[in-house]
Protein backbone atom coordinates (compact mmCIF):
# COMPACT_ATOMS: atom_id res chain seq x y z
CA MET A 1 181.85 138.71 63.26
CA VAL A 2 179.62 137.25 66.11
CA LEU A 3 180.69 133.83 67.54
CA ALA A 4 178.67 131.58 69.86
CA ARG A 5 179.43 128.40 71.75
CA VAL A 6 176.28 125.80 71.85
CA LEU A 7 175.36 125.19 75.45
CA PHE A 8 172.80 122.14 74.77
CA GLU A 9 172.78 119.50 72.39
CA TYR A 10 169.78 119.90 69.84
CA THR A 11 168.62 117.46 67.16
CA LYS A 12 166.86 119.06 64.34
CA ASP A 13 163.24 118.22 63.69
CA GLU A 14 163.25 119.97 60.10
CA GLU A 15 165.15 119.81 57.09
CA ASN A 16 166.05 123.12 57.50
CA GLU A 17 167.35 123.22 61.10
CA MET A 18 170.84 122.53 62.19
CA THR A 19 171.77 119.74 64.84
CA LEU A 20 174.03 121.47 67.49
CA ILE A 21 176.71 119.86 69.65
CA GLU A 22 177.22 120.78 73.12
CA GLY A 23 180.80 123.06 72.97
CA GLU A 24 180.25 123.70 69.35
CA ILE A 25 181.37 127.23 67.99
CA LEU A 26 179.10 128.80 65.66
CA GLU A 27 179.49 131.73 63.28
CA ARG A 28 177.51 133.99 60.83
CA ILE A 29 174.75 134.24 63.38
CA GLU A 30 171.58 135.88 62.04
CA MET A 31 168.24 136.33 64.17
CA ILE A 32 165.39 134.92 61.47
CA ASP A 33 162.38 135.19 63.49
CA GLU A 34 161.43 135.61 67.22
CA GLY A 35 163.26 132.61 69.03
CA TRP A 36 165.27 131.29 66.21
CA TRP A 37 168.72 131.97 64.87
CA SER A 38 170.41 130.64 61.63
CA ALA A 39 174.20 130.27 61.78
CA THR A 40 176.97 128.22 60.32
CA GLY A 41 178.95 125.57 62.25
CA ASP A 42 181.65 122.85 62.30
CA ASN A 43 183.81 125.03 60.58
CA GLY A 44 181.41 125.95 57.67
CA ASN A 45 180.21 122.36 56.75
CA LYS A 46 176.88 122.83 58.13
CA GLN A 47 174.20 125.73 58.32
CA GLY A 48 170.49 125.99 59.41
CA LEU A 49 168.02 127.11 62.05
CA PHE A 50 167.98 126.50 65.53
CA PRO A 51 166.29 127.97 68.88
CA CYS A 52 167.87 130.91 70.04
CA THR A 53 168.15 129.79 73.93
CA LEU A 54 170.89 126.97 72.99
CA PRO A 55 174.12 129.07 72.39
CA THR A 56 175.70 131.93 74.29
CA PRO A 57 177.66 134.70 72.74
CA LEU A 58 181.57 134.62 72.96
CA HIS A 59 183.11 138.03 73.88
CA LEU A 60 186.48 138.24 71.79
CA TYR A 61 188.65 141.31 72.90
CA PRO A 62 191.16 142.30 70.91
CA PHE A 63 194.89 141.97 72.12
CA ILE A 64 196.56 145.39 72.61
CA VAL A 65 200.15 145.56 71.32
CA TYR A 66 202.58 148.13 72.62
């Protein structure tokens, strides 16, 4: 699963968009159109579109157990 952290706040302009809060973690990210992504945020409580320049992907590396 791809996760991303929101870098800048965003207030939705349309009903199908999602308001973002700086530092929020997004999941289930999909590229919808050039410049727009869709995701789920707030632990699954909200969903919608937002400009793709606002979040940055989180790189999660699995732990190796010996």
